[in-house]
PDB file of N, CA and C in Angstrom:
ATOM      1  N   UNK A   1      -2.136   0.134  18.768  1.00  0.00           N
ATOM      2  CA  UNK A   1      -1.104  -0.769  18.275  1.00  0.00           C
ATOM      3  C   UNK A   1      -1.386  -1.132  16.822  1.00  0.00           C
ATOM      4  N   UNK A   2      -0.357  -1.191  16.022  1.00  0.00           N
ATOM      5  CA  UNK A   2      -0.505  -1.532  14.614  1.00  0.00           C
ATOM      6  C   UNK A   2      -0.873  -2.988  14.430  1.00  0.00           C
ATOM      7  N   UNK A   3      -1.667  -3.231  13.428  1.00  0.00           N
ATOM      8  CA  UNK A   3      -1.900  -4.606  13.001  1.00  0.00           C
ATOM      9  C   UNK A   3      -0.627  -5.076  12.309  1.00  0.00           C
ATOM     10  N   UNK A   4      -0.438  -6.366  12.245  1.00  0.00           N
ATOM     11  CA  UNK A   4       0.771  -6.939  11.661  1.00  0.00           C
ATOM     12  C   UNK A   4       1.016  -6.461  10.228  1.00  0.00           C
ATOM     13  N   UNK A   5      -0.027  -6.414   9.410  1.00  0.00           N
ATOM     14  CA  UNK A   5       0.160  -6.012   8.012  1.00  0.00           C
ATOM     15  C   UNK A   5       0.619  -4.560   7.914  1.00  0.00           C
ATOM     16  N   UNK A   6       0.124  -3.689   8.792  1.00  0.00           N
ATOM     17  CA  UNK A   6       0.545  -2.292   8.780  1.00  0.00           C
ATOM     18  C   UNK A   6       2.018  -2.176   9.153  1.00  0.00           C
ATOM     19  N   UNK A   7       2.415  -2.889  10.175  1.00  0.00           N
ATOM     20  CA  UNK A   7       3.812  -2.879  10.614  1.00  0.00           C
ATOM     21  C   UNK A   7       4.714  -3.457   9.529  1.00  0.00           C
ATOM     22  N   UNK A   8       4.306  -4.580   8.938  1.00  0.00           N
ATOM     23  CA  UNK A   8       5.104  -5.212   7.875  1.00  0.00           C
ATOM     24  C   UNK A   8       5.284  -4.270   6.690  1.00  0.00           C
ATOM     25  N   UNK A   9       4.216  -3.606   6.303  1.00  0.00           N
ATOM     26  CA  UNK A   9       4.277  -2.688   5.165  1.00  0.00           C
ATOM     27  C   UNK A   9       5.209  -1.520   5.450  1.00  0.00           C
ATOM     28  N   UNK A  10       5.050  -0.904   6.591  1.00  0.00           N
ATOM     29  CA  UNK A  10       5.877   0.231   6.958  1.00  0.00           C
ATOM     30  C   UNK A  10       7.356  -0.180   7.075  1.00  0.00           C
ATOM     31  N   UNK A  11       7.613  -1.316   7.700  1.00  0.00           N
ATOM     32  CA  UNK A  11       8.991  -1.799   7.845  1.00  0.00           C
ATOM     33  C   UNK A  11       9.635  -2.075   6.492  1.00  0.00           C
ATOM     34  N   UNK A  12       8.877  -2.691   5.582  1.00  0.00           N
ATOM     35  CA  UNK A  12       9.431  -3.027   4.268  1.00  0.00           C
ATOM     36  C   UNK A  12       9.728  -1.760   3.477  1.00  0.00           C
ATOM     37  N   UNK A  13       8.821  -0.796   3.505  1.00  0.00           N
ATOM     38  CA  UNK A  13       9.084   0.462   2.814  1.00  0.00           C
ATOM     39  C   UNK A  13      10.307   1.157   3.403  1.00  0.00           C
ATOM     40  N   UNK A  14      10.392   1.211   4.721  1.00  0.00           N
ATOM     41  CA  UNK A  14      11.513   1.901   5.350  1.00  0.00           C
ATOM     42  C   UNK A  14      12.837   1.173   5.137  1.00  0.00           C
ATOM     43  N   UNK A  15      12.805  -0.134   4.955  1.00  0.00           N
ATOM     44  CA  UNK A  15      14.012  -0.892   4.616  1.00  0.00           C
ATOM     45  C   UNK A  15      14.613  -0.341   3.324  1.00  0.00           C
ATOM     46  N   UNK A  16      13.777  -0.183   2.305  1.00  0.00           N
ATOM     47  CA  UNK A  16      14.273   0.332   1.023  1.00  0.00           C
ATOM     48  C   UNK A  16      14.577   1.820   1.082  1.00  0.00           C
ATOM     49  N   UNK A  17      13.826   2.574   1.836  1.00  0.00           N
ATOM     50  CA  UNK A  17      14.108   4.000   1.978  1.00  0.00           C
ATOM     51  C   UNK A  17      15.484   4.200   2.642  1.00  0.00           C
ATOM     52  N   UNK A  18      15.795   3.374   3.624  1.00  0.00           N
ATOM     53  CA  UNK A  18      17.088   3.460   4.292  1.00  0.00           C
ATOM     54  C   UNK A  18      18.230   3.166   3.318  1.00  0.00           C
ATOM     55  N   UNK A  19      18.038   2.197   2.438  1.00  0.00           N
ATOM     56  CA  UNK A  19      19.073   1.869   1.440  1.00  0.00           C
ATOM     57  C   UNK A  19      19.384   3.058   0.530  1.00  0.00           C
ATOM     58  N   UNK A  20      18.389   3.917   0.331  1.00  0.00           N
ATOM     59  CA  UNK A  20      18.558   5.080  -0.536  1.00  0.00           C
ATOM     60  C   UNK A  20      18.718   6.370   0.258  1.00  0.00           C
ATOM     61  N   UNK A  21      18.965   6.195   1.562  1.00  0.00           N
ATOM     62  CA  UNK A  21      19.165   7.324   2.475  1.00  0.00           C
ATOM     63  C   UNK A  21      18.011   8.329   2.408  1.00  0.00           C
ATOM     64  N   UNK A  22      16.817   7.772   2.362  1.00  0.00           N
ATOM     65  CA  UNK A  22      15.592   8.568   2.352  1.00  0.00           C
ATOM     66  C   UNK A  22      14.975   8.481   3.740  1.00  0.00           C
ATOM     67  N   UNK A  23      14.449   9.571   4.264  1.00  0.00           N
ATOM     68  CA  UNK A  23      13.875   9.521   5.611  1.00  0.00           C
ATOM     69  C   UNK A  23      12.766   8.464   5.734  1.00  0.00           C
ATOM     70  N   UNK A  24      12.696   7.878   6.897  1.00  0.00           N
ATOM     71  CA  UNK A  24      11.696   6.839   7.166  1.00  0.00           C
ATOM     72  C   UNK A  24      10.293   7.436   7.128  1.00  0.00           C
ATOM     73  N   UNK A  25       9.357   6.596   6.716  1.00  0.00           N
ATOM     74  CA  UNK A  25       7.947   6.971   6.743  1.00  0.00           C
ATOM     75  C   UNK A  25       7.383   6.727   8.129  1.00  0.00           C
ATOM     76  N   UNK A  26       6.339   7.460   8.462  1.00  0.00           N
ATOM     77  CA  UNK A  26       5.587   7.233   9.698  1.00  0.00           C
ATOM     78  C   UNK A  26       4.162   6.889   9.293  1.00  0.00           C
ATOM     79  N   UNK A  27       3.518   6.060  10.093  1.00  0.00           N
ATOM     80  CA  UNK A  27       2.157   5.646   9.796  1.00  0.00           C
ATOM     81  C   UNK A  27       1.195   6.824   9.918  1.00  0.00           C
ATOM     82  N   UNK A  28       0.286   6.935   8.963  1.00  0.00           N
ATOM     83  CA  UNK A  28      -0.717   8.003   8.964  1.00  0.00           C
ATOM     84  C   UNK A  28      -2.107   7.378   8.889  1.00  0.00           C
ATOM     85  N   UNK A  29      -2.904   7.585   9.915  1.00  0.00           N
ATOM     86  CA  UNK A  29      -4.273   7.069   9.879  1.00  0.00           C
ATOM     87  C   UNK A  29      -5.100   7.804   8.819  1.00  0.00           C
ATOM     88  N   UNK A  30      -4.816   9.074   8.591  1.00  0.00           N
ATOM     89  CA  UNK A  30      -5.519   9.831   7.555  1.00  0.00           C
ATOM     90  C   UNK A  30      -5.259   9.229   6.182  1.00  0.00           C
ATOM     91  N   UNK A  31      -4.004   8.975   5.878  1.00  0.00           N
ATOM     92  CA  UNK A  31      -3.647   8.370   4.600  1.00  0.00           C
ATOM     93  C   UNK A  31      -4.203   6.950   4.487  1.00  0.00           C
ATOM     94  N   UNK A  32      -4.156   6.195   5.565  1.00  0.00           N
ATOM     95  CA  UNK A  32      -4.705   4.834   5.561  1.00  0.00           C
ATOM     96  C   UNK A  32      -6.207   4.855   5.292  1.00  0.00           C
ATOM     97  N   UNK A  33      -6.915   5.802   5.887  1.00  0.00           N
ATOM     98  CA  UNK A  33      -8.353   5.919   5.654  1.00  0.00           C
ATOM     99  C   UNK A  33      -8.648   6.258   4.194  1.00  0.00           C
ATOM    100  N   UNK A  34      -7.869   7.173   3.617  1.00  0.00           N
ATOM    101  CA  UNK A  34      -8.050   7.532   2.206  1.00  0.00           C
ATOM    102  C   UNK A  34      -7.731   6.348   1.300  1.00  0.00           C
ATOM    103  N   UNK A  35      -6.675   5.612   1.618  1.00  0.00           N
ATOM    104  CA  UNK A  35      -6.312   4.434   0.826  1.00  0.00           C
ATOM    105  C   UNK A  35      -7.413   3.378   0.885  1.00  0.00           C
ATOM    106  N   UNK A  36      -8.031   3.228   2.037  1.00  0.00           N
ATOM    107  CA  UNK A  36      -9.128   2.252   2.160  1.00  0.00           C
ATOM    108  C   UNK A  36     -10.304   2.653   1.294  1.00  0.00           C
ATOM    109  N   UNK A  37     -10.601   3.948   1.215  1.00  0.00           N
ATOM    110  CA  UNK A  37     -11.683   4.416   0.350  1.00  0.00           C
ATOM    111  C   UNK A  37     -11.399   4.064  -1.109  1.00  0.00           C
ATOM    112  N   UNK A  38     -10.158   4.284  -1.538  1.00  0.00           N
ATOM    113  CA  UNK A  38      -9.777   3.950  -2.915  1.00  0.00           C
ATOM    114  C   UNK A  38      -9.868   2.444  -3.127  1.00  0.00           C
ATOM    115  N   UNK A  39      -9.378   1.647  -2.165  1.00  0.00           N
ATOM    116  CA  UNK A  39      -9.443   0.188  -2.278  1.00  0.00           C
ATOM    117  C   UNK A  39     -10.887  -0.291  -2.374  1.00  0.00           C
ATOM    118  N   UNK A  40     -11.767   0.293  -1.575  1.00  0.00           N
ATOM    119  CA  UNK A  40     -13.179  -0.075  -1.625  1.00  0.00           C
ATOM    120  C   UNK A  40     -13.783   0.265  -2.990  1.00  0.00           C
ATOM    121  N   UNK A  41     -13.428   1.434  -3.522  1.00  0.00           N
ATOM    122  CA  UNK A  41     -13.930   1.829  -4.841  1.00  0.00           C
ATOM    123  C   UNK A  41     -13.403   0.890  -5.924  1.00  0.00           C
ATOM    124  N   UNK A  42     -12.136   0.544  -5.837  1.00  0.00           N
ATOM    125  CA  UNK A  42     -11.550  -0.365  -6.828  1.00  0.00           C
ATOM    126  C   UNK A  42     -12.178  -1.745  -6.772  1.00  0.00           C
ATOM    127  N   UNK A  43     -12.502  -2.188  -5.579  1.00  0.00           N
ATOM    128  CA  UNK A  43     -13.097  -3.514  -5.416  1.00  0.00           C
ATOM    129  C   UNK A  43     -14.455  -3.609  -6.102  1.00  0.00           C
ATOM    130  N   UNK A  44     -15.102  -2.475  -6.312  1.00  0.00           N
ATOM    131  CA  UNK A  44     -16.411  -2.487  -6.949  1.00  0.00           C
ATOM    132  C   UNK A  44     -16.328  -2.177  -8.445  1.00  0.00           C
ATOM    133  N   UNK A  45     -15.122  -2.070  -8.988  1.00  0.00           N
ATOM    134  CA  UNK A  45     -14.924  -1.737 -10.401  1.00  0.00           C
ATOM    135  C   UNK A  45     -14.093  -2.799 -11.091  1.00  0.00           C
ATOM    136  N   UNK A  46     -14.116  -2.762 -12.410  1.00  0.00           N
ATOM    137  CA  UNK A  46     -13.211  -3.614 -13.174  1.00  0.00           C
ATOM    138  C   UNK A  46     -12.027  -2.817 -13.690  1.00  0.00           C
ATOM    139  N   UNK A  47     -12.103  -1.492 -13.605  1.00  0.00           N
ATOM    140  CA  UNK A  47     -11.033  -0.612 -14.076  1.00  0.00           C
ATOM    141  C   UNK A  47     -10.374   0.039 -12.861  1.00  0.00           C
ATOM    142  N   UNK A  48      -9.052  -0.175 -12.699  1.00  0.00           N
ATOM    143  CA  UNK A  48      -8.382   0.360 -11.512  1.00  0.00           C
ATOM    144  C   UNK A  48      -8.034   1.833 -11.636  1.00  0.00           C
ATOM    145  N   UNK A  49      -8.405   2.471 -12.725  1.00  0.00           N
ATOM    146  CA  UNK A  49      -8.088   3.886 -12.905  1.00  0.00           C
ATOM    147  C   UNK A  49      -9.101   4.766 -12.183  1.00  0.00           C
ATOM    148  N   UNK A  50      -9.408   4.424 -10.960  1.00  0.00           N
ATOM    149  CA  UNK A  50     -10.352   5.216 -10.169  1.00  0.00           C
ATOM    150  C   UNK A  50      -9.745   6.581  -9.892  1.00  0.00           C
ATOM    151  N   UNK A  51     -10.576   7.580  -9.844  1.00  0.00           N
ATOM    152  CA  UNK A  51     -10.042   8.914  -9.575  1.00  0.00           C
ATOM    153  C   UNK A  51      -9.955   9.132  -8.067  1.00  0.00           C
ATOM    154  N   UNK A  52      -8.880   9.722  -7.671  1.00  0.00           N
ATOM    155  CA  UNK A  52      -8.696  10.155  -6.293  1.00  0.00           C
ATOM    156  C   UNK A  52      -7.857  11.415  -6.372  1.00  0.00           C
ATOM    157  N   UNK A  53      -8.353  12.461  -5.774  1.00  0.00           N
ATOM    158  CA  UNK A  53      -7.794  13.792  -5.989  1.00  0.00           C
ATOM    159  C   UNK A  53      -6.550  14.109  -5.180  1.00  0.00           C
ATOM    160  N   UNK A  54      -6.407  13.514  -4.017  1.00  0.00           N
ATOM    161  CA  UNK A  54      -5.423  14.027  -3.087  1.00  0.00           C
ATOM    162  C   UNK A  54      -4.061  13.322  -3.123  1.00  0.00           C
ATOM    163  N   UNK A  55      -4.006  12.064  -3.504  1.00  0.00           N
ATOM    164  CA  UNK A  55      -2.777  11.296  -3.379  1.00  0.00           C
ATOM    165  C   UNK A  55      -2.455  10.540  -4.666  1.00  0.00           C
ATOM    166  N   UNK A  56      -1.165  10.332  -4.895  1.00  0.00           N
ATOM    167  CA  UNK A  56      -0.747   9.417  -5.942  1.00  0.00           C
ATOM    168  C   UNK A  56      -0.865   8.014  -5.379  1.00  0.00           C
ATOM    169  N   UNK A  57      -0.823   7.007  -6.249  1.00  0.00           N
ATOM    170  CA  UNK A  57      -0.992   5.642  -5.764  1.00  0.00           C
ATOM    171  C   UNK A  57      -0.189   4.667  -6.605  1.00  0.00           C
ATOM    172  N   UNK A  58       0.226   3.596  -5.979  1.00  0.00           N
ATOM    173  CA  UNK A  58       0.813   2.453  -6.654  1.00  0.00           C
ATOM    174  C   UNK A  58      -0.099   1.270  -6.371  1.00  0.00           C
ATOM    175  N   UNK A  59      -0.365   0.476  -7.388  1.00  0.00           N
ATOM    176  CA  UNK A  59      -1.247  -0.670  -7.217  1.00  0.00           C
ATOM    177  C   UNK A  59      -0.479  -1.962  -7.425  1.00  0.00           C
ATOM    178  N   UNK A  60      -0.756  -2.927  -6.602  1.00  0.00           N
ATOM    179  CA  UNK A  60      -0.225  -4.276  -6.768  1.00  0.00           C
ATOM    180  C   UNK A  60      -1.419  -5.185  -6.983  1.00  0.00           C
ATOM    181  N   UNK A  61      -1.434  -5.852  -8.130  1.00  0.00           N
ATOM    182  CA  UNK A  61      -2.557  -6.723  -8.465  1.00  0.00           C
ATOM    183  C   UNK A  61      -2.040  -8.146  -8.559  1.00  0.00           C
ATOM    184  N   UNK A  62      -2.699  -9.032  -7.859  1.00  0.00           N
ATOM    185  CA  UNK A  62      -2.335 -10.443  -7.880  1.00  0.00           C
ATOM    186  C   UNK A  62      -3.582 -11.257  -8.156  1.00  0.00           C
ATOM    187  N   UNK A  63      -3.398 -12.338  -8.894  1.00  0.00           N
ATOM    188  CA  UNK A  63      -4.545 -13.195  -9.176  1.00  0.00           C
ATOM    189  C   UNK A  63      -4.847 -14.072  -7.981  1.00  0.00           C
ATOM    190  N   UNK A  64      -6.106 -14.173  -7.676  1.00  0.00           N
ATOM    191  CA  UNK A  64      -6.588 -15.054  -6.625  1.00  0.00           C
ATOM    192  C   UNK A  64      -6.560 -16.465  -7.158  1.00  0.00           C
ATOM    193  N   UNK A  65      -6.239 -17.521  -6.490  1.00  0.00           N
ATOM    194  CA  UNK A  65      -6.075 -17.623  -5.050  1.00  0.00           C
ATOM    195  C   UNK A  65      -4.622 -17.643  -4.599  1.00  0.00           C
ATOM    196  N   UNK A  66      -3.696 -17.187  -5.445  1.00  0.00           N
ATOM    197  CA  UNK A  66      -2.292 -17.193  -5.043  1.00  0.00           C
ATOM    198  C   UNK A  66      -2.094 -16.329  -3.807  1.00  0.00           C
ATOM    199  N   UNK A  67      -1.555 -16.899  -2.736  1.00  0.00           N
ATOM    200  CA  UNK A  67      -1.351 -16.094  -1.530  1.00  0.00           C
ATOM    201  C   UNK A  67      -0.264 -15.043  -1.762  1.00  0.00           C
ATOM    202  N   UNK A  68      -0.494 -13.855  -1.288  1.00  0.00           N
ATOM    203  CA  UNK A  68       0.461 -12.759  -1.416  1.00  0.00           C
ATOM    204  C   UNK A  68       0.642 -12.118  -0.051  1.00  0.00           C
ATOM    205  N   UNK A  69       1.816 -11.560   0.146  1.00  0.00           N
ATOM    206  CA  UNK A  69       2.108 -10.845   1.389  1.00  0.00           C
ATOM    207  C   UNK A  69       2.338  -9.375   1.050  1.00  0.00           C
ATOM    208  N   UNK A  70       2.377  -8.561   2.059  1.00  0.00           N
ATOM    209  CA  UNK A  70       2.663  -7.143   1.830  1.00  0.00           C
ATOM    210  C   UNK A  70       4.084  -6.984   1.283  1.00  0.00           C
ATOM    211  N   UNK A  71       4.988  -7.874   1.673  1.00  0.00           N
ATOM    212  CA  UNK A  71       6.346  -7.839   1.130  1.00  0.00           C
ATOM    213  C   UNK A  71       6.336  -8.077  -0.372  1.00  0.00           C
ATOM    214  N   UNK A  72       5.459  -8.972  -0.854  1.00  0.00           N
ATOM    215  CA  UNK A  72       5.340  -9.198  -2.299  1.00  0.00           C
ATOM    216  C   UNK A  72       4.969  -7.895  -3.004  1.00  0.00           C
ATOM    217  N   UNK A  73       4.020  -7.173  -2.421  1.00  0.00           N
ATOM    218  CA  UNK A  73       3.582  -5.921  -3.037  1.00  0.00           C
ATOM    219  C   UNK A  73       4.722  -4.898  -3.085  1.00  0.00           C
ATOM    220  N   UNK A  74       5.408  -4.706  -1.973  1.00  0.00           N
ATOM    221  CA  UNK A  74       6.503  -3.727  -1.938  1.00  0.00           C
ATOM    222  C   UNK A  74       7.613  -4.149  -2.884  1.00  0.00           C
ATOM    223  N   UNK A  75       7.958  -5.416  -2.917  1.00  0.00           N
ATOM    224  CA  UNK A  75       9.015  -5.907  -3.806  1.00  0.00           C
ATOM    225  C   UNK A  75       8.661  -5.698  -5.275  1.00  0.00           C
ATOM    226  N   UNK A  76       7.386  -5.756  -5.626  1.00  0.00           N
ATOM    227  CA  UNK A  76       6.966  -5.653  -7.011  1.00  0.00           C
ATOM    228  C   UNK A  76       6.662  -4.239  -7.473  1.00  0.00           C
ATOM    229  N   UNK A  77       6.657  -3.290  -6.552  1.00  0.00           N
ATOM    230  CA  UNK A  77       6.464  -1.906  -6.953  1.00  0.00           C
ATOM    231  C   UNK A  77       7.719  -1.444  -7.606  1.00  0.00           C
TER     232      UNK A  77
END
């Protein structure tokens, strides 16, 4: 079963994809694992231009301690 943040993220992306008549995304554990590796690498750096060979990426950066939701990230991409 998906965690709430995974479901929220996928639903928000598919909401906008539907508006543009783009096929819905499906959750990928492989892609999620790769994204976590990039997130872990970024967390240990001050420069977000980390190299990752296989996928393109969009980053959402928010200053702490302002609370942010996954919807904030999708809306700001």
